[in-house]
């Protein structure tokens, strides 16, 4: 429900008598997603917008039951995720092949974690447990303790999608039961701010992402069957002052979407559909025509994007 930029400058030093000119840089885009039905975490690699590879990183052979939320630390090469049915927060190597490490487990009779984000400079994770009305936080290395950021005592009701704004250190979340979008200054003393509610224009929101260059936020609105509107991607402002507008809808390929991610370097916007055999579409924060880039995802739940500049 989030985007990460990783600019890696790899210096290709070629000893040559004839040519020591700099080597051209190329754009690599990595998409990561979870599939609940297939019990998998997968990655697709694109070079200059051309698909190079799509591979499964982790599956049930590594203990995955229902991988739900997902966040990536490209600097330290960690992949973090939640497993709802296992009631766990886990991590493993970003390229696959290692055994997952269990960081935290939800105590019974509580339900499992769903969405997850990472705050880089504090090295902390934040995750939602929507059916227990909780947003929790803990160190990313699993050392604990697990602290409660928000609960029903502060009015939390069904927190689902969550997003961390890097520049201003706000955490945003969707309350799907109340059809509301909130934010809170992490580490501050101010009360949470209600940015958008049901009357603002959405019907059944699940995920939120922010494009920090323009201060705009984007919402997955997964309308219930029979609703006046179909599924949509909506655009508003990070302070909630701008009216929501439709960026993409069913005619553009939004079909039971559950998550979205934004490439903070290019403004490319990706969303993950659960219908139409499961697919990932690529659009842009400006609303340019979208296209399907990945298909065949069984009950996809979470999506992440990383942009890398490097030599071939």
C-alpha atoms as a PDB file:
ATOM      1  CA  UNK A   1       0.000   0.000   0.000  1.00  0.00           C
ATOM      2  CA  UNK A   2       3.314   2.118  -0.305  1.00  0.00           C
ATOM      3  CA  UNK A   3       6.559   2.989  -2.584  1.00  0.00           C
ATOM      4  CA  UNK A   4      10.297   2.780  -2.013  1.00  0.00           C
ATOM      5  CA  UNK A   5      13.076   4.388  -4.030  1.00  0.00           C
ATOM      6  CA  UNK A   6      16.561   2.892  -4.103  1.00  0.00           C
ATOM      7  CA  UNK A   7      19.154   4.668  -6.239  1.00  0.00           C
ATOM      8  CA  UNK A   8      22.204   2.490  -6.541  1.00  0.00           C
ATOM      9  CA  UNK A   9      25.204   3.941  -8.355  1.00  0.00           C
ATOM     10  CA  UNK A  10      27.333   1.009  -9.438  1.00  0.00           C
ATOM     11  CA  UNK A  11      30.647   2.268 -10.845  1.00  0.00           C
ATOM     12  CA  UNK A  12      31.675   0.064 -13.738  1.00  0.00           C
ATOM     13  CA  UNK A  13      35.398   0.576 -13.979  1.00  0.00           C
ATOM     14  CA  UNK A  14      36.655  -0.859 -17.232  1.00  0.00           C
ATOM     15  CA  UNK A  15      40.406  -0.680 -17.741  1.00  0.00           C
ATOM     16  CA  UNK A  16      40.894   0.090 -21.393  1.00  0.00           C
ATOM     17  CA  UNK A  17      43.363   1.897 -23.558  1.00  0.00           C
ATOM     18  CA  UNK A  18      40.721   3.165 -25.897  1.00  0.00           C
ATOM     19  CA  UNK A  19      37.553   3.951 -23.931  1.00  0.00           C
ATOM     20  CA  UNK A  20      37.069   4.995 -20.311  1.00  0.00           C
ATOM     21  CA  UNK A  21      33.761   6.817 -20.827  1.00  0.00           C
ATOM     22  CA  UNK A  22      30.974   6.398 -18.221  1.00  0.00           C
ATOM     23  CA  UNK A  23      28.598   3.521 -18.795  1.00  0.00           C
ATOM     24  CA  UNK A  24      24.912   4.351 -19.364  1.00  0.00           C
ATOM     25  CA  UNK A  25      22.478   3.968 -16.490  1.00  0.00           C
ATOM     26  CA  UNK A  26      19.327   1.889 -16.832  1.00  0.00           C
ATOM     27  CA  UNK A  27      16.004   1.892 -15.022  1.00  0.00           C
ATOM     28  CA  UNK A  28      15.104  -1.264 -13.129  1.00  0.00           C
ATOM     29  CA  UNK A  29      11.679  -1.579 -11.562  1.00  0.00           C
ATOM     30  CA  UNK A  30      10.876  -4.359  -9.092  1.00  0.00           C
ATOM     31  CA  UNK A  31       7.287  -5.231  -8.196  1.00  0.00           C
ATOM     32  CA  UNK A  32       6.618  -7.377  -5.121  1.00  0.00           C
ATOM     33  CA  UNK A  33       3.207  -8.838  -4.292  1.00  0.00           C
ATOM     34  CA  UNK A  34       1.478 -11.376  -2.089  1.00  0.00           C
ATOM     35  CA  UNK A  35      -0.946 -14.088  -3.203  1.00  0.00           C
ATOM     36  CA  UNK A  36      -3.117 -15.477  -0.433  1.00  0.00           C
ATOM     37  CA  UNK A  37      -4.602 -18.370  -2.400  1.00  0.00           C
ATOM     38  CA  UNK A  38      -1.229 -19.542  -3.728  1.00  0.00           C
ATOM     39  CA  UNK A  39       0.487 -18.814  -0.396  1.00  0.00           C
ATOM     40  CA  UNK A  40       3.242 -16.926  -2.200  1.00  0.00           C
ATOM     41  CA  UNK A  41       5.330 -13.786  -2.306  1.00  0.00           C
ATOM     42  CA  UNK A  42       6.528 -13.011  -5.831  1.00  0.00           C
ATOM     43  CA  UNK A  43       8.687 -10.465  -7.644  1.00  0.00           C
ATOM     44  CA  UNK A  44       8.727  -9.153 -11.213  1.00  0.00           C
ATOM     45  CA  UNK A  45      11.776  -7.388 -12.663  1.00  0.00           C
ATOM     46  CA  UNK A  46      11.457  -4.777 -15.415  1.00  0.00           C
ATOM     47  CA  UNK A  47      14.309  -3.167 -17.369  1.00  0.00           C
ATOM     48  CA  UNK A  48      13.293   0.111 -19.001  1.00  0.00           C
ATOM     49  CA  UNK A  49       9.633  -1.001 -18.752  1.00  0.00           C
ATOM     50  CA  UNK A  50      10.286  -4.417 -20.351  1.00  0.00           C
ATOM     51  CA  UNK A  51       9.523  -7.493 -18.219  1.00  0.00           C
ATOM     52  CA  UNK A  52      12.697  -9.521 -17.653  1.00  0.00           C
ATOM     53  CA  UNK A  53      11.600 -12.027 -15.039  1.00  0.00           C
ATOM     54  CA  UNK A  54       8.764 -13.027 -12.743  1.00  0.00           C
ATOM     55  CA  UNK A  55       9.577 -15.441  -9.939  1.00  0.00           C
ATOM     56  CA  UNK A  56       8.211 -16.807  -6.670  1.00  0.00           C
ATOM     57  CA  UNK A  57      10.413 -15.790  -3.737  1.00  0.00           C
ATOM     58  CA  UNK A  58       8.632 -17.548  -0.861  1.00  0.00           C
ATOM     59  CA  UNK A  59       5.759 -20.039  -0.693  1.00  0.00           C
ATOM     60  CA  UNK A  60       4.175 -22.686   1.526  1.00  0.00           C
ATOM     61  CA  UNK A  61       7.424 -24.684   1.488  1.00  0.00           C
ATOM     62  CA  UNK A  62       8.824 -21.840   3.585  1.00  0.00           C
ATOM     63  CA  UNK A  63       5.823 -21.852   5.917  1.00  0.00           C
ATOM     64  CA  UNK A  64       3.619 -19.207   4.279  1.00  0.00           C
ATOM     65  CA  UNK A  65      -0.104 -19.645   4.932  1.00  0.00           C
ATOM     66  CA  UNK A  66      -1.821 -16.378   4.004  1.00  0.00           C
ATOM     67  CA  UNK A  67       0.771 -13.650   3.265  1.00  0.00           C
ATOM     68  CA  UNK A  68      -1.098 -10.359   3.504  1.00  0.00           C
ATOM     69  CA  UNK A  69       0.778  -7.071   3.993  1.00  0.00           C
ATOM     70  CA  UNK A  70       4.221  -6.372   2.540  1.00  0.00           C
ATOM     71  CA  UNK A  71       6.994  -3.785   2.878  1.00  0.00           C
ATOM     72  CA  UNK A  72      10.568  -3.714   1.595  1.00  0.00           C
ATOM     73  CA  UNK A  73      13.894  -2.423   2.941  1.00  0.00           C
ATOM     74  CA  UNK A  74      16.132  -2.315  -0.163  1.00  0.00           C
ATOM     75  CA  UNK A  75      19.087  -0.790   1.678  1.00  0.00           C
ATOM     76  CA  UNK A  76      19.453  -3.703   4.071  1.00  0.00           C
ATOM     77  CA  UNK A  77      17.961  -6.271   1.680  1.00  0.00           C
ATOM     78  CA  UNK A  78      14.998  -7.246   3.868  1.00  0.00           C
ATOM     79  CA  UNK A  79      11.477  -8.174   2.881  1.00  0.00           C
ATOM     80  CA  UNK A  80       8.891  -7.811   5.679  1.00  0.00           C
ATOM     81  CA  UNK A  81       5.375  -9.235   5.583  1.00  0.00           C
ATOM     82  CA  UNK A  82       2.388 -10.224   7.656  1.00  0.00           C
ATOM     83  CA  UNK A  83       0.735 -13.639   7.598  1.00  0.00           C
ATOM     84  CA  UNK A  84      -2.846 -13.255   8.716  1.00  0.00           C
ATOM     85  CA  UNK A  85      -3.736 -16.895   9.425  1.00  0.00           C
ATOM     86  CA  UNK A  86      -0.371 -17.604  11.049  1.00  0.00           C
ATOM     87  CA  UNK A  87      -0.881 -14.394  13.091  1.00  0.00           C
ATOM     88  CA  UNK A  88       2.756 -13.451  12.445  1.00  0.00           C
ATOM     89  CA  UNK A  89       5.024 -10.614  11.330  1.00  0.00           C
ATOM     90  CA  UNK A  90       8.032 -12.024   9.458  1.00  0.00           C
ATOM     91  CA  UNK A  91      11.078 -11.072   7.416  1.00  0.00           C
ATOM     92  CA  UNK A  92      13.466 -12.746   4.965  1.00  0.00           C
ATOM     93  CA  UNK A  93      16.013 -11.803   2.311  1.00  0.00           C
ATOM     94  CA  UNK A  94      14.743  -9.585  -0.468  1.00  0.00           C
ATOM     95  CA  UNK A  95      15.885 -11.987  -3.215  1.00  0.00           C
ATOM     96  CA  UNK A  96      14.342 -15.148  -1.759  1.00  0.00           C
ATOM     97  CA  UNK A  97      16.009 -18.425  -0.867  1.00  0.00           C
ATOM     98  CA  UNK A  98      16.383 -17.937   2.890  1.00  0.00           C
ATOM     99  CA  UNK A  99      14.211 -19.184   5.715  1.00  0.00           C
ATOM    100  CA  UNK A 100      11.741 -16.585   7.029  1.00  0.00           C
ATOM    101  CA  UNK A 101      12.360 -15.215  10.505  1.00  0.00           C
ATOM    102  CA  UNK A 102       9.339 -14.812  12.771  1.00  0.00           C
ATOM    103  CA  UNK A 103       9.537 -11.389  14.408  1.00  0.00           C
ATOM    104  CA  UNK A 104       6.218 -11.129  16.255  1.00  0.00           C
ATOM    105  CA  UNK A 105       3.137 -13.292  16.818  1.00  0.00           C
ATOM    106  CA  UNK A 106      -0.292 -11.991  17.769  1.00  0.00           C
ATOM    107  CA  UNK A 107      -1.393 -13.494  21.102  1.00  0.00           C
ATOM    108  CA  UNK A 108      -4.613 -15.461  21.199  1.00  0.00           C
ATOM    109  CA  UNK A 109      -7.513 -14.860  21.143  1.00  0.00           C
ATOM    110  CA  UNK A 110      -6.489 -11.929  18.940  1.00  0.00           C
ATOM    111  CA  UNK A 111      -6.627 -12.127  15.150  1.00  0.00           C
ATOM    112  CA  UNK A 112      -3.727 -11.801  12.759  1.00  0.00           C
ATOM    113  CA  UNK A 113      -1.952  -8.732  11.323  1.00  0.00           C
ATOM    114  CA  UNK A 114      -2.901  -7.398   7.912  1.00  0.00           C
ATOM    115  CA  UNK A 115      -1.104  -4.390   6.405  1.00  0.00           C
ATOM    116  CA  UNK A 116       2.423  -3.293   7.345  1.00  0.00           C
ATOM    117  CA  UNK A 117       4.776  -0.328   6.769  1.00  0.00           C
ATOM    118  CA  UNK A 118       8.305   0.536   7.851  1.00  0.00           C
ATOM    119  CA  UNK A 119       9.754   3.786   9.195  1.00  0.00           C
ATOM    120  CA  UNK A 120      13.341   3.782   7.951  1.00  0.00           C
ATOM    121  CA  UNK A 121      15.135   6.162  10.290  1.00  0.00           C
ATOM    122  CA  UNK A 122      13.651   4.709  13.482  1.00  0.00           C
ATOM    123  CA  UNK A 123      13.885   1.108  12.209  1.00  0.00           C
ATOM    124  CA  UNK A 124      10.340   0.423  13.327  1.00  0.00           C
ATOM    125  CA  UNK A 125       7.455  -1.502  11.818  1.00  0.00           C
ATOM    126  CA  UNK A 126       3.783  -0.522  12.021  1.00  0.00           C
ATOM    127  CA  UNK A 127       0.962  -2.927  11.264  1.00  0.00           C
ATOM    128  CA  UNK A 128      -2.810  -3.160  11.462  1.00  0.00           C
ATOM    129  CA  UNK A 129      -5.036  -5.766  13.079  1.00  0.00           C
ATOM    130  CA  UNK A 130      -8.399  -4.606  11.716  1.00  0.00           C
ATOM    131  CA  UNK A 131     -10.609  -7.102  13.503  1.00  0.00           C
ATOM    132  CA  UNK A 132      -9.052  -6.227  16.869  1.00  0.00           C
ATOM    133  CA  UNK A 133      -9.134  -2.459  16.175  1.00  0.00           C
ATOM    134  CA  UNK A 134      -5.384  -2.042  16.610  1.00  0.00           C
ATOM    135  CA  UNK A 135      -2.411  -0.324  15.012  1.00  0.00           C
ATOM    136  CA  UNK A 136       0.773  -1.715  16.568  1.00  0.00           C
ATOM    137  CA  UNK A 137       4.464  -0.826  16.339  1.00  0.00           C
ATOM    138  CA  UNK A 138       7.718  -2.565  17.250  1.00  0.00           C
ATOM    139  CA  UNK A 139      11.435  -2.630  16.303  1.00  0.00           C
ATOM    140  CA  UNK A 140      12.083  -4.172  12.896  1.00  0.00           C
ATOM    141  CA  UNK A 141      14.652  -6.657  14.252  1.00  0.00           C
ATOM    142  CA  UNK A 142      12.077  -8.487  16.368  1.00  0.00           C
ATOM    143  CA  UNK A 143      13.584  -7.389  19.682  1.00  0.00           C
ATOM    144  CA  UNK A 144      10.281  -5.924  20.932  1.00  0.00           C
ATOM    145  CA  UNK A 145       8.351  -4.764  22.773  1.00  0.00           C
ATOM    146  CA  UNK A 146       5.172  -4.387  20.726  1.00  0.00           C
ATOM    147  CA  UNK A 147       3.504  -1.060  21.496  1.00  0.00           C
ATOM    148  CA  UNK A 148      -0.033   0.080  20.729  1.00  0.00           C
ATOM    149  CA  UNK A 149      -0.167   3.197  18.562  1.00  0.00           C
ATOM    150  CA  UNK A 150      -3.968   3.279  18.194  1.00  0.00           C
ATOM    151  CA  UNK A 151      -6.822   1.178  19.550  1.00  0.00           C
ATOM    152  CA  UNK A 152     -10.580   1.250  20.015  1.00  0.00           C
ATOM    153  CA  UNK A 153      -9.962   3.368  23.124  1.00  0.00           C
ATOM    154  CA  UNK A 154      -8.904   6.180  20.754  1.00  0.00           C
ATOM    155  CA  UNK A 155     -11.825   5.483  18.421  1.00  0.00           C
ATOM    156  CA  UNK A 156     -10.081   3.125  15.979  1.00  0.00           C
ATOM    157  CA  UNK A 157     -12.580   0.982  14.101  1.00  0.00           C
ATOM    158  CA  UNK A 158     -11.362  -1.519  11.513  1.00  0.00           C
ATOM    159  CA  UNK A 159      -7.977  -0.089  10.430  1.00  0.00           C
ATOM    160  CA  UNK A 160      -7.011  -1.846   7.182  1.00  0.00           C
ATOM    161  CA  UNK A 161      -4.553  -0.196   4.762  1.00  0.00           C
ATOM    162  CA  UNK A 162      -1.674   1.809   6.207  1.00  0.00           C
ATOM    163  CA  UNK A 163       0.976   4.128   4.701  1.00  0.00           C
ATOM    164  CA  UNK A 164       4.006   5.988   6.082  1.00  0.00           C
ATOM    165  CA  UNK A 165       4.727   9.456   4.669  1.00  0.00           C
ATOM    166  CA  UNK A 166       8.496   9.818   4.745  1.00  0.00           C
ATOM    167  CA  UNK A 167       8.924  13.596   4.490  1.00  0.00           C
ATOM    168  CA  UNK A 168       6.512  14.649   7.241  1.00  0.00           C
ATOM    169  CA  UNK A 169       6.477  11.472   9.351  1.00  0.00           C
ATOM    170  CA  UNK A 170       2.724  11.055   9.204  1.00  0.00           C
ATOM    171  CA  UNK A 171       1.133   7.645   9.275  1.00  0.00           C
ATOM    172  CA  UNK A 172      -2.091   7.284   7.270  1.00  0.00           C
ATOM    173  CA  UNK A 173      -4.676   4.554   7.590  1.00  0.00           C
ATOM    174  CA  UNK A 174      -8.019   3.453   6.184  1.00  0.00           C
ATOM    175  CA  UNK A 175     -10.844   2.457   8.535  1.00  0.00           C
ATOM    176  CA  UNK A 176     -12.833   0.256   6.197  1.00  0.00           C
ATOM    177  CA  UNK A 177     -15.740  -0.293   8.606  1.00  0.00           C
ATOM    178  CA  UNK A 178     -16.389   3.436   9.022  1.00  0.00           C
ATOM    179  CA  UNK A 179     -15.272   4.415   5.490  1.00  0.00           C
ATOM    180  CA  UNK A 180     -12.749   6.923   6.816  1.00  0.00           C
ATOM    181  CA  UNK A 181      -9.171   8.007   6.110  1.00  0.00           C
ATOM    182  CA  UNK A 182      -7.068   9.270   9.022  1.00  0.00           C
ATOM    183  CA  UNK A 183      -3.524  10.430   9.709  1.00  0.00           C
ATOM    184  CA  UNK A 184      -1.360  10.874  12.807  1.00  0.00           C
ATOM    185  CA  UNK A 185       1.994  12.577  13.334  1.00  0.00           C
ATOM    186  CA  UNK A 186       4.322   9.809  14.506  1.00  0.00           C
ATOM    187  CA  UNK A 187       5.975  10.760  17.779  1.00  0.00           C
ATOM    188  CA  UNK A 188       3.840  13.877  18.115  1.00  0.00           C
ATOM    189  CA  UNK A 189       1.249  14.884  20.675  1.00  0.00           C
ATOM    190  CA  UNK A 190      -1.552  16.025  18.370  1.00  0.00           C
ATOM    191  CA  UNK A 191      -4.744  14.023  18.009  1.00  0.00           C
ATOM    192  CA  UNK A 192      -5.409  11.996  14.841  1.00  0.00           C
ATOM    193  CA  UNK A 193      -6.889  13.972  11.929  1.00  0.00           C
ATOM    194  CA  UNK A 194      -9.892  12.775   9.951  1.00  0.00           C
ATOM    195  CA  UNK A 195      -9.094  13.643   6.322  1.00  0.00           C
ATOM    196  CA  UNK A 196     -11.892  12.020   4.336  1.00  0.00           C
ATOM    197  CA  UNK A 197     -15.105  10.251   5.351  1.00  0.00           C
ATOM    198  CA  UNK A 198     -17.775   8.325   3.462  1.00  0.00           C
ATOM    199  CA  UNK A 199     -19.505  11.459   2.263  1.00  0.00           C
ATOM    200  CA  UNK A 200     -16.234  12.627   0.693  1.00  0.00           C
ATOM    201  CA  UNK A 201     -16.743  10.400  -2.331  1.00  0.00           C
ATOM    202  CA  UNK A 202     -15.536   6.894  -1.570  1.00  0.00           C
ATOM    203  CA  UNK A 203     -17.744   3.912  -0.826  1.00  0.00           C
ATOM    204  CA  UNK A 204     -15.552   1.082   0.477  1.00  0.00           C
ATOM    205  CA  UNK A 205     -11.852   2.079   0.767  1.00  0.00           C
ATOM    206  CA  UNK A 206      -9.070  -0.401   1.533  1.00  0.00           C
ATOM    207  CA  UNK A 207      -5.663   1.053   0.651  1.00  0.00           C
ATOM    208  CA  UNK A 208      -3.923   4.429   0.526  1.00  0.00           C
ATOM    209  CA  UNK A 209      -0.634   5.635  -0.988  1.00  0.00           C
ATOM    210  CA  UNK A 210       1.005   9.058  -1.287  1.00  0.00           C
ATOM    211  CA  UNK A 211       3.040  10.706  -4.025  1.00  0.00           C
ATOM    212  CA  UNK A 212       5.305  12.921  -1.981  1.00  0.00           C
ATOM    213  CA  UNK A 213       6.498  15.123  -4.866  1.00  0.00           C
ATOM    214  CA  UNK A 214       3.037  16.673  -5.254  1.00  0.00           C
ATOM    215  CA  UNK A 215       1.502  16.053  -1.828  1.00  0.00           C
ATOM    216  CA  UNK A 216      -1.292  13.962  -3.326  1.00  0.00           C
ATOM    217  CA  UNK A 217      -2.828  10.819  -1.908  1.00  0.00           C
ATOM    218  CA  UNK A 218      -4.497   7.962  -3.745  1.00  0.00           C
ATOM    219  CA  UNK A 219      -7.174   5.602  -2.454  1.00  0.00           C
ATOM    220  CA  UNK A 220      -8.384   2.200  -3.611  1.00  0.00           C
ATOM    221  CA  UNK A 221     -12.192   2.319  -3.459  1.00  0.00           C
ATOM    222  CA  UNK A 222     -13.469  -1.253  -3.711  1.00  0.00           C
ATOM    223  CA  UNK A 223     -17.205  -0.678  -3.983  1.00  0.00           C
ATOM    224  CA  UNK A 224     -19.630  -3.363  -2.838  1.00  0.00           C
ATOM    225  CA  UNK A 225     -21.608  -5.263  -5.516  1.00  0.00           C
ATOM    226  CA  UNK A 226     -24.646  -3.300  -6.652  1.00  0.00           C
ATOM    227  CA  UNK A 227     -23.195   0.078  -5.671  1.00  0.00           C
ATOM    228  CA  UNK A 228     -23.847   3.108  -7.848  1.00  0.00           C
ATOM    229  CA  UNK A 229     -20.120   3.354  -8.640  1.00  0.00           C
ATOM    230  CA  UNK A 230     -17.743   0.567  -9.629  1.00  0.00           C
ATOM    231  CA  UNK A 231     -14.224   0.085  -8.294  1.00  0.00           C
ATOM    232  CA  UNK A 232     -12.025   3.173  -8.567  1.00  0.00           C
ATOM    233  CA  UNK A 233      -8.699   4.799  -7.795  1.00  0.00           C
ATOM    234  CA  UNK A 234      -9.395   8.198  -6.215  1.00  0.00           C
ATOM    235  CA  UNK A 235      -7.048  11.170  -5.830  1.00  0.00           C
ATOM    236  CA  UNK A 236      -7.024  13.786  -3.062  1.00  0.00           C
ATOM    237  CA  UNK A 237      -4.544  15.815  -1.007  1.00  0.00           C
ATOM    238  CA  UNK A 238      -2.503  14.750   2.001  1.00  0.00           C
ATOM    239  CA  UNK A 239      -4.223  17.321   4.223  1.00  0.00           C
ATOM    240  CA  UNK A 240      -7.725  16.272   3.121  1.00  0.00           C
ATOM    241  CA  UNK A 241      -8.625  19.760   1.886  1.00  0.00           C
ATOM    242  CA  UNK A 242      -8.974  18.927  -1.796  1.00  0.00           C
ATOM    243  CA  UNK A 243     -12.129  17.099  -2.944  1.00  0.00           C
ATOM    244  CA  UNK A 244     -11.605  13.532  -4.076  1.00  0.00           C
ATOM    245  CA  UNK A 245     -11.659  12.941  -7.818  1.00  0.00           C
ATOM    246  CA  UNK A 246     -11.726   9.767  -9.904  1.00  0.00           C
ATOM    247  CA  UNK A 247      -8.341   8.956 -11.455  1.00  0.00           C
ATOM    248  CA  UNK A 248      -9.104   5.436 -12.741  1.00  0.00           C
ATOM    249  CA  UNK A 249     -12.236   3.292 -12.752  1.00  0.00           C
ATOM    250  CA  UNK A 250     -13.501  -0.035 -14.108  1.00  0.00           C
ATOM    251  CA  UNK A 251     -13.134   1.150 -17.701  1.00  0.00           C
ATOM    252  CA  UNK A 252      -9.420   1.628 -17.012  1.00  0.00           C
ATOM    253  CA  UNK A 253      -8.947  -1.845 -15.533  1.00  0.00           C
ATOM    254  CA  UNK A 254      -9.749  -1.334 -11.838  1.00  0.00           C
ATOM    255  CA  UNK A 255     -11.505  -4.571 -10.870  1.00  0.00           C
ATOM    256  CA  UNK A 256     -11.761  -5.556  -7.206  1.00  0.00           C
ATOM    257  CA  UNK A 257      -8.473  -3.793  -6.437  1.00  0.00           C
ATOM    258  CA  UNK A 258      -7.051  -4.228  -2.941  1.00  0.00           C
ATOM    259  CA  UNK A 259      -3.741  -2.384  -2.985  1.00  0.00           C
ATOM    260  CA  UNK A 260      -1.739   0.220  -4.870  1.00  0.00           C
ATOM    261  CA  UNK A 261       1.870   1.426  -4.916  1.00  0.00           C
ATOM    262  CA  UNK A 262       3.561   4.504  -6.377  1.00  0.00           C
ATOM    263  CA  UNK A 263       7.052   4.795  -7.840  1.00  0.00           C
ATOM    264  CA  UNK A 264       8.215   7.966  -6.107  1.00  0.00           C
ATOM    265  CA  UNK A 265      10.834   8.628  -8.784  1.00  0.00           C
ATOM    266  CA  UNK A 266       8.653   8.369 -11.894  1.00  0.00           C
ATOM    267  CA  UNK A 267       5.101   8.862 -10.614  1.00  0.00           C
ATOM    268  CA  UNK A 268       4.040   5.509 -12.053  1.00  0.00           C
ATOM    269  CA  UNK A 269       1.063   4.129 -10.131  1.00  0.00           C
ATOM    270  CA  UNK A 270       0.388   0.386  -9.858  1.00  0.00           C
ATOM    271  CA  UNK A 271      -2.712  -1.358  -8.555  1.00  0.00           C
ATOM    272  CA  UNK A 272      -3.449  -4.978  -7.733  1.00  0.00           C
ATOM    273  CA  UNK A 273      -6.741  -6.535  -8.858  1.00  0.00           C
ATOM    274  CA  UNK A 274      -8.223  -9.691  -7.393  1.00  0.00           C
ATOM    275  CA  UNK A 275     -10.662 -10.277 -10.274  1.00  0.00           C
ATOM    276  CA  UNK A 276      -9.922 -10.920 -13.986  1.00  0.00           C
ATOM    277  CA  UNK A 277      -7.712 -13.844 -12.896  1.00  0.00           C
ATOM    278  CA  UNK A 278      -5.727 -11.441 -10.729  1.00  0.00           C
ATOM    279  CA  UNK A 279      -3.546  -8.771 -12.301  1.00  0.00           C
ATOM    280  CA  UNK A 280      -1.322  -5.751 -11.743  1.00  0.00           C
ATOM    281  CA  UNK A 281      -1.992  -2.618 -13.775  1.00  0.00           C
ATOM    282  CA  UNK A 282       0.354   0.297 -14.343  1.00  0.00           C
ATOM    283  CA  UNK A 283      -0.887   3.869 -14.682  1.00  0.00           C
ATOM    284  CA  UNK A 284       0.439   7.236 -13.535  1.00  0.00           C
ATOM    285  CA  UNK A 285      -0.447   9.809 -10.897  1.00  0.00           C
ATOM    286  CA  UNK A 286      -1.471  12.097 -13.780  1.00  0.00           C
ATOM    287  CA  UNK A 287      -4.087   9.597 -14.922  1.00  0.00           C
ATOM    288  CA  UNK A 288      -2.510   8.599 -18.242  1.00  0.00           C
ATOM    289  CA  UNK A 289      -3.946   5.381 -19.781  1.00  0.00           C
ATOM    290  CA  UNK A 290      -3.170   2.266 -17.776  1.00  0.00           C
ATOM    291  CA  UNK A 291      -1.957  -1.124 -18.968  1.00  0.00           C
ATOM    292  CA  UNK A 292      -1.840  -4.635 -17.551  1.00  0.00           C
ATOM    293  CA  UNK A 293       1.742  -5.644 -16.696  1.00  0.00           C
ATOM    294  CA  UNK A 294       1.291  -8.849 -14.654  1.00  0.00           C
ATOM    295  CA  UNK A 295      -1.526 -11.403 -14.781  1.00  0.00           C
ATOM    296  CA  UNK A 296      -2.496 -14.695 -13.144  1.00  0.00           C
ATOM    297  CA  UNK A 297      -2.293 -13.639  -9.460  1.00  0.00           C
ATOM    298  CA  UNK A 298      -4.583 -15.708  -7.237  1.00  0.00           C
ATOM    299  CA  UNK A 299      -6.207 -13.473  -4.608  1.00  0.00           C
ATOM    300  CA  UNK A 300      -3.476 -10.853  -4.522  1.00  0.00           C
ATOM    301  CA  UNK A 301      -3.450  -8.734  -1.390  1.00  0.00           C
ATOM    302  CA  UNK A 302      -0.375  -6.475  -1.123  1.00  0.00           C
ATOM    303  CA  UNK A 303       1.854  -4.637  -3.595  1.00  0.00           C
ATOM    304  CA  UNK A 304       5.214  -2.819  -3.398  1.00  0.00           C
ATOM    305  CA  UNK A 305       7.427  -1.104  -5.986  1.00  0.00           C
ATOM    306  CA  UNK A 306      11.162  -0.334  -5.941  1.00  0.00           C
ATOM    307  CA  UNK A 307      12.958   1.791  -8.558  1.00  0.00           C
ATOM    308  CA  UNK A 308      16.693   1.286  -9.108  1.00  0.00           C
ATOM    309  CA  UNK A 309      19.171   3.086 -11.365  1.00  0.00           C
ATOM    310  CA  UNK A 310      22.226   0.995 -12.222  1.00  0.00           C
ATOM    311  CA  UNK A 311      24.571  -0.153 -14.973  1.00  0.00           C
ATOM    312  CA  UNK A 312      23.782  -3.258 -16.972  1.00  0.00           C
END
